[in-house]
Amino acid sequence: AKSFSVHLMDLMTSWAVVCDVYFLEPQVKQPDETPVEFAGRVQQLIAKRANLRVVPWDGYLKYYNLAGDVPRFSSSQ
């Protein structure tokens, strides 16, 4: 039987993050391709390789005030 401190030390030093790492071929923006189209094409390649769905997410949701638009997001309830 281990003491609590030894068990705690084992927990703190033996953790690991298990993940899959995929390498894709380098992509180059085509001459007739806009930056948005290029980003979408690369996003589709990544999603296909990682077996994920492509969603229309631009990362700006954190800048919107949802509490005023959607009552259930209000903290006053």
PDB file of N, CA and C in Angstrom:
ATOM      1  N   ALA A   1       0.848  -1.187   0.000  1.00  0.00           N
ATOM      2  CA  ALA A   1       0.000   0.000   0.000  1.00  0.00           C
ATOM      3  C   ALA A   1       0.886   1.240   0.000  1.00  0.00           C
ATOM      4  N   LYS A   2       0.522   2.174  -0.879  1.00  0.00           N
ATOM      5  CA  LYS A   2       1.262   3.432  -0.980  1.00  0.00           C
ATOM      6  C   LYS A   2       0.678   4.461  -0.015  1.00  0.00           C
ATOM      7  N   SER A   3       1.526   5.344   0.440  1.00  0.00           N
ATOM      8  CA  SER A   3       1.023   6.463   1.228  1.00  0.00           C
ATOM      9  C   SER A   3       0.326   7.445   0.291  1.00  0.00           C
ATOM     10  N   PHE A   4      -0.474   8.331   0.867  1.00  0.00           N
ATOM     11  CA  PHE A   4      -1.195   9.298   0.059  1.00  0.00           C
ATOM     12  C   PHE A   4      -0.233  10.195  -0.707  1.00  0.00           C
ATOM     13  N   SER A   5       0.828  10.634  -0.066  1.00  0.00           N
ATOM     14  CA  SER A   5       1.774  11.533  -0.739  1.00  0.00           C
ATOM     15  C   SER A   5       2.465  10.847  -1.909  1.00  0.00           C
ATOM     16  N   VAL A   6       2.793   9.573  -1.774  1.00  0.00           N
ATOM     17  CA  VAL A   6       3.402   8.839  -2.885  1.00  0.00           C
ATOM     18  C   VAL A   6       2.380   8.674  -4.011  1.00  0.00           C
ATOM     19  N   HIS A   7       1.142   8.353  -3.653  1.00  0.00           N
ATOM     20  CA  HIS A   7       0.087   8.217  -4.657  1.00  0.00           C
ATOM     21  C   HIS A   7      -0.145   9.552  -5.378  1.00  0.00           C
ATOM     22  N   LEU A   8      -0.173  10.645  -4.635  1.00  0.00           N
ATOM     23  CA  LEU A   8      -0.359  11.967  -5.221  1.00  0.00           C
ATOM     24  C   LEU A   8       0.792  12.319  -6.156  1.00  0.00           C
ATOM     25  N   MET A   9       2.002  12.003  -5.748  1.00  0.00           N
ATOM     26  CA  MET A   9       3.164  12.270  -6.600  1.00  0.00           C
ATOM     27  C   MET A   9       3.093  11.441  -7.880  1.00  0.00           C
ATOM     28  N   ASP A  10       2.659  10.193  -7.787  1.00  0.00           N
ATOM     29  CA  ASP A  10       2.480   9.363  -8.983  1.00  0.00           C
ATOM     30  C   ASP A  10       1.450   9.979  -9.929  1.00  0.00           C
ATOM     31  N   LEU A  11       0.344  10.462  -9.385  1.00  0.00           N
ATOM     32  CA  LEU A  11      -0.685  11.084 -10.211  1.00  0.00           C
ATOM     33  C   LEU A  11      -0.175  12.345 -10.898  1.00  0.00           C
ATOM     34  N   MET A  12       0.584  13.145 -10.182  1.00  0.00           N
ATOM     35  CA  MET A  12       1.051  14.415 -10.739  1.00  0.00           C
ATOM     36  C   MET A  12       2.175  14.243 -11.752  1.00  0.00           C
ATOM     37  N   THR A  13       2.889  13.149 -11.710  1.00  0.00           N
ATOM     38  CA  THR A  13       4.029  12.986 -12.613  1.00  0.00           C
ATOM     39  C   THR A  13       3.803  11.964 -13.711  1.00  0.00           C
ATOM     40  N   SER A  14       2.692  11.246 -13.697  1.00  0.00           N
ATOM     41  CA  SER A  14       2.516  10.197 -14.701  1.00  0.00           C
ATOM     42  C   SER A  14       1.344  10.437 -15.632  1.00  0.00           C
ATOM     43  N   TRP A  15       0.830  11.654 -15.702  1.00  0.00           N
ATOM     44  CA  TRP A  15      -0.283  11.931 -16.594  1.00  0.00           C
ATOM     45  C   TRP A  15       0.226  12.036 -18.028  1.00  0.00           C
ATOM     46  N   ALA A  16      -0.667  11.857 -18.959  1.00  0.00           N
ATOM     47  CA  ALA A  16      -0.301  11.966 -20.366  1.00  0.00           C
ATOM     48  C   ALA A  16      -1.522  12.372 -21.177  1.00  0.00           C
ATOM     49  N   VAL A  17      -1.277  13.053 -22.247  1.00  0.00           N
ATOM     50  CA  VAL A  17      -2.333  13.383 -23.192  1.00  0.00           C
ATOM     51  C   VAL A  17      -2.127  12.486 -24.401  1.00  0.00           C
ATOM     52  N   VAL A  18      -3.105  11.659 -24.668  1.00  0.00           N
ATOM     53  CA  VAL A  18      -3.023  10.741 -25.790  1.00  0.00           C
ATOM     54  C   VAL A  18      -3.794  11.354 -26.952  1.00  0.00           C
ATOM     55  N   CYS A  19      -3.132  11.505 -28.068  1.00  0.00           N
ATOM     56  CA  CYS A  19      -3.800  12.091 -29.230  1.00  0.00           C
ATOM     57  C   CYS A  19      -3.181  11.523 -30.507  1.00  0.00           C
ATOM     58  N   ASP A  20      -3.921  11.660 -31.567  1.00  0.00           N
ATOM     59  CA  ASP A  20      -3.429  11.267 -32.880  1.00  0.00           C
ATOM     60  C   ASP A  20      -2.860  12.497 -33.566  1.00  0.00           C
ATOM     61  N   VAL A  21      -1.721  12.335 -34.208  1.00  0.00           N
ATOM     62  CA  VAL A  21      -1.099  13.439 -34.943  1.00  0.00           C
ATOM     63  C   VAL A  21      -1.058  13.035 -36.408  1.00  0.00           C
ATOM     64  N   TYR A  22      -1.614  13.888 -37.255  1.00  0.00           N
ATOM     65  CA  TYR A  22      -1.633  13.629 -38.684  1.00  0.00           C
ATOM     66  C   TYR A  22      -0.831  14.719 -39.393  1.00  0.00           C
ATOM     67  N   PHE A  23      -0.100  14.313 -40.389  1.00  0.00           N
ATOM     68  CA  PHE A  23       0.646  15.263 -41.199  1.00  0.00           C
ATOM     69  C   PHE A  23       0.042  15.267 -42.597  1.00  0.00           C
ATOM     70  N   LEU A  24      -0.279  16.456 -43.078  1.00  0.00           N
ATOM     71  CA  LEU A  24      -0.831  16.613 -44.414  1.00  0.00           C
ATOM     72  C   LEU A  24       0.222  17.242 -45.312  1.00  0.00           C
ATOM     73  N   GLU A  25       0.027  17.073 -46.593  1.00  0.00           N
ATOM     74  CA  GLU A  25       0.925  17.705 -47.549  1.00  0.00           C
ATOM     75  C   GLU A  25       0.803  19.226 -47.430  1.00  0.00           C
ATOM     76  N   PRO A  26       1.887  19.957 -47.579  1.00  0.00           N
ATOM     77  CA  PRO A  26       1.791  21.427 -47.544  1.00  0.00           C
ATOM     78  C   PRO A  26       0.869  21.918 -48.656  1.00  0.00           C
ATOM     79  N   GLN A  27       0.068  22.914 -48.334  1.00  0.00           N
ATOM     80  CA  GLN A  27      -0.890  23.463 -49.289  1.00  0.00           C
ATOM     81  C   GLN A  27      -0.449  24.860 -49.709  1.00  0.00           C
ATOM     82  N   VAL A  28      -0.693  25.190 -50.948  1.00  0.00           N
ATOM     83  CA  VAL A  28      -0.347  26.501 -51.488  1.00  0.00           C
ATOM     84  C   VAL A  28      -1.614  27.110 -52.079  1.00  0.00           C
ATOM     85  N   LYS A  29      -1.809  28.381 -51.820  1.00  0.00           N
ATOM     86  CA  LYS A  29      -2.974  29.072 -52.366  1.00  0.00           C
ATOM     87  C   LYS A  29      -2.845  29.150 -53.881  1.00  0.00           C
ATOM     88  N   GLN A  30      -3.890  28.724 -54.572  1.00  0.00           N
ATOM     89  CA  GLN A  30      -3.900  28.754 -56.026  1.00  0.00           C
ATOM     90  C   GLN A  30      -4.031  30.201 -56.510  1.00  0.00           C
ATOM     91  N   PRO A  31      -3.536  30.511 -57.696  1.00  0.00           N
ATOM     92  CA  PRO A  31      -3.601  31.896 -58.187  1.00  0.00           C
ATOM     93  C   PRO A  31      -5.025  32.460 -58.286  1.00  0.00           C
ATOM     94  N   ASP A  32      -5.993  31.616 -58.608  1.00  0.00           N
ATOM     95  CA  ASP A  32      -7.369  32.093 -58.759  1.00  0.00           C
ATOM     96  C   ASP A  32      -8.207  31.893 -57.496  1.00  0.00           C
ATOM     97  N   GLU A  33      -7.559  31.596 -56.388  1.00  0.00           N
ATOM     98  CA  GLU A  33      -8.246  31.266 -55.143  1.00  0.00           C
ATOM     99  C   GLU A  33      -8.134  32.433 -54.153  1.00  0.00           C
ATOM    100  N   THR A  34      -9.260  32.808 -53.555  1.00  0.00           N
ATOM    101  CA  THR A  34      -9.222  33.862 -52.544  1.00  0.00           C
ATOM    102  C   THR A  34      -8.709  33.268 -51.233  1.00  0.00           C
ATOM    103  N   PRO A  35      -8.255  34.106 -50.311  1.00  0.00           N
ATOM    104  CA  PRO A  35      -7.820  33.586 -49.011  1.00  0.00           C
ATOM    105  C   PRO A  35      -8.918  32.818 -48.277  1.00  0.00           C
ATOM    106  N   VAL A  36     -10.157  33.254 -48.408  1.00  0.00           N
ATOM    107  CA  VAL A  36     -11.270  32.562 -47.751  1.00  0.00           C
ATOM    108  C   VAL A  36     -11.482  31.182 -48.375  1.00  0.00           C
ATOM    109  N   GLU A  37     -11.390  31.099 -49.694  1.00  0.00           N
ATOM    110  CA  GLU A  37     -11.533  29.802 -50.371  1.00  0.00           C
ATOM    111  C   GLU A  37     -10.379  28.871 -49.999  1.00  0.00           C
ATOM    112  N   PHE A  38      -9.182  29.417 -49.918  1.00  0.00           N
ATOM    113  CA  PHE A  38      -8.019  28.623 -49.528  1.00  0.00           C
ATOM    114  C   PHE A  38      -8.197  28.076 -48.112  1.00  0.00           C
ATOM    115  N   ALA A  39      -8.633  28.936 -47.185  1.00  0.00           N
ATOM    116  CA  ALA A  39      -8.853  28.497 -45.809  1.00  0.00           C
ATOM    117  C   ALA A  39      -9.925  27.418 -45.744  1.00  0.00           C
ATOM    118  N   GLY A  40     -10.979  27.575 -46.544  1.00  0.00           N
ATOM    119  CA  GLY A  40     -12.029  26.566 -46.575  1.00  0.00           C
ATOM    120  C   GLY A  40     -11.541  25.236 -47.129  1.00  0.00           C
ATOM    121  N   ARG A  41     -10.717  25.305 -48.150  1.00  0.00           N
ATOM    122  CA  ARG A  41     -10.167  24.074 -48.739  1.00  0.00           C
ATOM    123  C   ARG A  41      -9.265  23.353 -47.732  1.00  0.00           C
ATOM    124  N   VAL A  42      -8.426  24.099 -47.041  1.00  0.00           N
ATOM    125  CA  VAL A  42      -7.540  23.498 -46.037  1.00  0.00           C
ATOM    126  C   VAL A  42      -8.362  22.949 -44.873  1.00  0.00           C
ATOM    127  N   GLN A  43      -9.406  23.678 -44.473  1.00  0.00           N
ATOM    128  CA  GLN A  43     -10.278  23.205 -43.407  1.00  0.00           C
ATOM    129  C   GLN A  43     -10.925  21.869 -43.789  1.00  0.00           C
ATOM    130  N   GLN A  44     -11.357  21.756 -45.038  1.00  0.00           N
ATOM    131  CA  GLN A  44     -11.972  20.501 -45.493  1.00  0.00           C
ATOM    132  C   GLN A  44     -10.958  19.360 -45.490  1.00  0.00           C
ATOM    133  N   LEU A  45      -9.727  19.634 -45.892  1.00  0.00           N
ATOM    134  CA  LEU A  45      -8.692  18.595 -45.871  1.00  0.00           C
ATOM    135  C   LEU A  45      -8.437  18.106 -44.447  1.00  0.00           C
ATOM    136  N   ILE A  46      -8.342  19.055 -43.518  1.00  0.00           N
ATOM    137  CA  ILE A  46      -8.092  18.688 -42.120  1.00  0.00           C
ATOM    138  C   ILE A  46      -9.269  17.897 -41.563  1.00  0.00           C
ATOM    139  N   ALA A  47     -10.484  18.362 -41.827  1.00  0.00           N
ATOM    140  CA  ALA A  47     -11.672  17.684 -41.313  1.00  0.00           C
ATOM    141  C   ALA A  47     -11.795  16.273 -41.881  1.00  0.00           C
ATOM    142  N   LYS A  48     -11.498  16.121 -43.157  1.00  0.00           N
ATOM    143  CA  LYS A  48     -11.583  14.793 -43.778  1.00  0.00           C
ATOM    144  C   LYS A  48     -10.565  13.852 -43.156  1.00  0.00           C
ATOM    145  N   ARG A  49      -9.349  14.327 -42.961  1.00  0.00           N
ATOM    146  CA  ARG A  49      -8.283  13.474 -42.409  1.00  0.00           C
ATOM    147  C   ARG A  49      -8.556  13.103 -40.956  1.00  0.00           C
ATOM    148  N   ALA A  50      -9.121  14.042 -40.189  1.00  0.00           N
ATOM    149  CA  ALA A  50      -9.391  13.793 -38.771  1.00  0.00           C
ATOM    150  C   ALA A  50     -10.787  13.215 -38.535  1.00  0.00           C
ATOM    151  N   ASN A  51     -11.524  12.980 -39.617  1.00  0.00           N
ATOM    152  CA  ASN A  51     -12.872  12.418 -39.534  1.00  0.00           C
ATOM    153  C   ASN A  51     -13.786  13.316 -38.694  1.00  0.00           C
ATOM    154  N   LEU A  52     -13.777  14.616 -39.017  1.00  0.00           N
ATOM    155  CA  LEU A  52     -14.597  15.607 -38.330  1.00  0.00           C
ATOM    156  C   LEU A  52     -15.549  16.269 -39.303  1.00  0.00           C
ATOM    157  N   ARG A  53     -16.578  16.920 -38.764  1.00  0.00           N
ATOM    158  CA  ARG A  53     -17.495  17.686 -39.592  1.00  0.00           C
ATOM    159  C   ARG A  53     -16.932  19.085 -39.798  1.00  0.00           C
ATOM    160  N   VAL A  54     -17.191  19.662 -40.952  1.00  0.00           N
ATOM    161  CA  VAL A  54     -16.848  21.057 -41.200  1.00  0.00           C
ATOM    162  C   VAL A  54     -18.040  21.888 -40.744  1.00  0.00           C
ATOM    163  N   VAL A  55     -17.786  22.821 -39.842  1.00  0.00           N
ATOM    164  CA  VAL A  55     -18.860  23.674 -39.338  1.00  0.00           C
ATOM    165  C   VAL A  55     -18.541  25.129 -39.672  1.00  0.00           C
ATOM    166  N   PRO A  56     -19.565  25.941 -39.879  1.00  0.00           N
ATOM    167  CA  PRO A  56     -19.344  27.352 -40.213  1.00  0.00           C
ATOM    168  C   PRO A  56     -19.001  28.164 -38.966  1.00  0.00           C
ATOM    169  N   TRP A  57     -17.810  28.031 -38.471  1.00  0.00           N
ATOM    170  CA  TRP A  57     -17.374  28.681 -37.240  1.00  0.00           C
ATOM    171  C   TRP A  57     -16.199  29.577 -37.555  1.00  0.00           C
ATOM    172  N   ASP A  58     -16.338  30.856 -37.232  1.00  0.00           N
ATOM    173  CA  ASP A  58     -15.252  31.778 -37.533  1.00  0.00           C
ATOM    174  C   ASP A  58     -14.500  32.243 -36.301  1.00  0.00           C
ATOM    175  N   GLY A  59     -14.893  31.792 -35.119  1.00  0.00           N
ATOM    176  CA  GLY A  59     -14.180  32.137 -33.906  1.00  0.00           C
ATOM    177  C   GLY A  59     -14.581  33.460 -33.285  1.00  0.00           C
ATOM    178  N   TYR A  60     -15.552  34.162 -33.868  1.00  0.00           N
ATOM    179  CA  TYR A  60     -15.938  35.466 -33.335  1.00  0.00           C
ATOM    180  C   TYR A  60     -17.132  35.406 -32.386  1.00  0.00           C
ATOM    181  N   LEU A  61     -17.638  34.231 -32.062  1.00  0.00           N
ATOM    182  CA  LEU A  61     -18.782  34.124 -31.165  1.00  0.00           C
ATOM    183  C   LEU A  61     -18.496  34.756 -29.813  1.00  0.00           C
ATOM    184  N   LYS A  62     -17.245  34.715 -29.373  1.00  0.00           N
ATOM    185  CA  LYS A  62     -16.910  35.272 -28.064  1.00  0.00           C
ATOM    186  C   LYS A  62     -17.083  36.789 -28.019  1.00  0.00           C
ATOM    187  N   TYR A  63     -17.194  37.443 -29.162  1.00  0.00           N
ATOM    188  CA  TYR A  63     -17.364  38.889 -29.198  1.00  0.00           C
ATOM    189  C   TYR A  63     -18.826  39.321 -29.233  1.00  0.00           C
ATOM    190  N   TYR A  64     -19.753  38.385 -29.368  1.00  0.00           N
ATOM    191  CA  TYR A  64     -21.167  38.715 -29.444  1.00  0.00           C
ATOM    192  C   TYR A  64     -21.802  38.693 -28.068  1.00  0.00           C
ATOM    193  N   ASN A  65     -22.762  39.563 -27.843  1.00  0.00           N
ATOM    194  CA  ASN A  65     -23.504  39.594 -26.601  1.00  0.00           C
ATOM    195  C   ASN A  65     -24.768  38.769 -26.782  1.00  0.00           C
ATOM    196  N   LEU A  66     -24.712  37.506 -26.415  1.00  0.00           N
ATOM    197  CA  LEU A  66     -25.864  36.623 -26.604  1.00  0.00           C
ATOM    198  C   LEU A  66     -26.927  36.850 -25.545  1.00  0.00           C
ATOM    199  N   ALA A  67     -26.571  37.423 -24.414  1.00  0.00           N
ATOM    200  CA  ALA A  67     -27.551  37.634 -23.347  1.00  0.00           C
ATOM    201  C   ALA A  67     -28.650  38.580 -23.795  1.00  0.00           C
ATOM    202  N   GLY A  68     -28.348  39.557 -24.638  1.00  0.00           N
ATOM    203  CA  GLY A  68     -29.372  40.480 -25.110  1.00  0.00           C
ATOM    204  C   GLY A  68     -30.251  39.886 -26.179  1.00  0.00           C
ATOM    205  N   ASP A  69     -29.716  38.962 -26.965  1.00  0.00           N
ATOM    206  CA  ASP A  69     -30.477  38.370 -28.079  1.00  0.00           C
ATOM    207  C   ASP A  69     -31.270  37.144 -27.667  1.00  0.00           C
ATOM    208  N   VAL A  70     -30.695  36.343 -26.793  1.00  0.00           N
ATOM    209  CA  VAL A  70     -31.319  35.086 -26.394  1.00  0.00           C
ATOM    210  C   VAL A  70     -31.500  35.110 -24.880  1.00  0.00           C
ATOM    211  N   PRO A  71     -32.747  35.189 -24.398  1.00  0.00           N
ATOM    212  CA  PRO A  71     -32.969  35.324 -22.953  1.00  0.00           C
ATOM    213  C   PRO A  71     -32.363  34.199 -22.115  1.00  0.00           C
ATOM    214  N   ARG A  72     -32.263  32.986 -22.627  1.00  0.00           N
ATOM    215  CA  ARG A  72     -31.755  31.888 -21.799  1.00  0.00           C
ATOM    216  C   ARG A  72     -30.261  32.028 -21.490  1.00  0.00           C
ATOM    217  N   PHE A  73     -29.538  32.914 -22.215  1.00  0.00           N
ATOM    218  CA  PHE A  73     -28.117  33.128 -21.955  1.00  0.00           C
ATOM    219  C   PHE A  73     -27.883  34.266 -20.960  1.00  0.00           C
ATOM    220  N   SER A  74     -28.949  34.857 -20.475  1.00  0.00           N
ATOM    221  CA  SER A  74     -28.833  35.967 -19.537  1.00  0.00           C
ATOM    222  C   SER A  74     -28.470  35.445 -18.151  1.00  0.00           C
ATOM    223  N   SER A  75     -27.564  36.125 -17.466  1.00  0.00           N
ATOM    224  CA  SER A  75     -27.160  35.687 -16.137  1.00  0.00           C
ATOM    225  C   SER A  75     -28.092  36.209 -15.064  1.00  0.00           C
ATOM    226  N   SER A  76     -29.062  37.049 -15.425  1.00  0.00           N
ATOM    227  CA  SER A  76     -29.975  37.622 -14.439  1.00  0.00           C
ATOM    228  C   SER A  76     -31.102  36.661 -14.064  1.00  0.00           C
ATOM    229  N   GLN A  77     -31.230  35.559 -14.763  1.00  0.00           N
ATOM    230  CA  GLN A  77     -32.312  34.614 -14.449  1.00  0.00           C
ATOM    231  C   GLN A  77     -31.926  33.703 -13.320  1.00  0.00           C
TER     232      GLN A  77
END
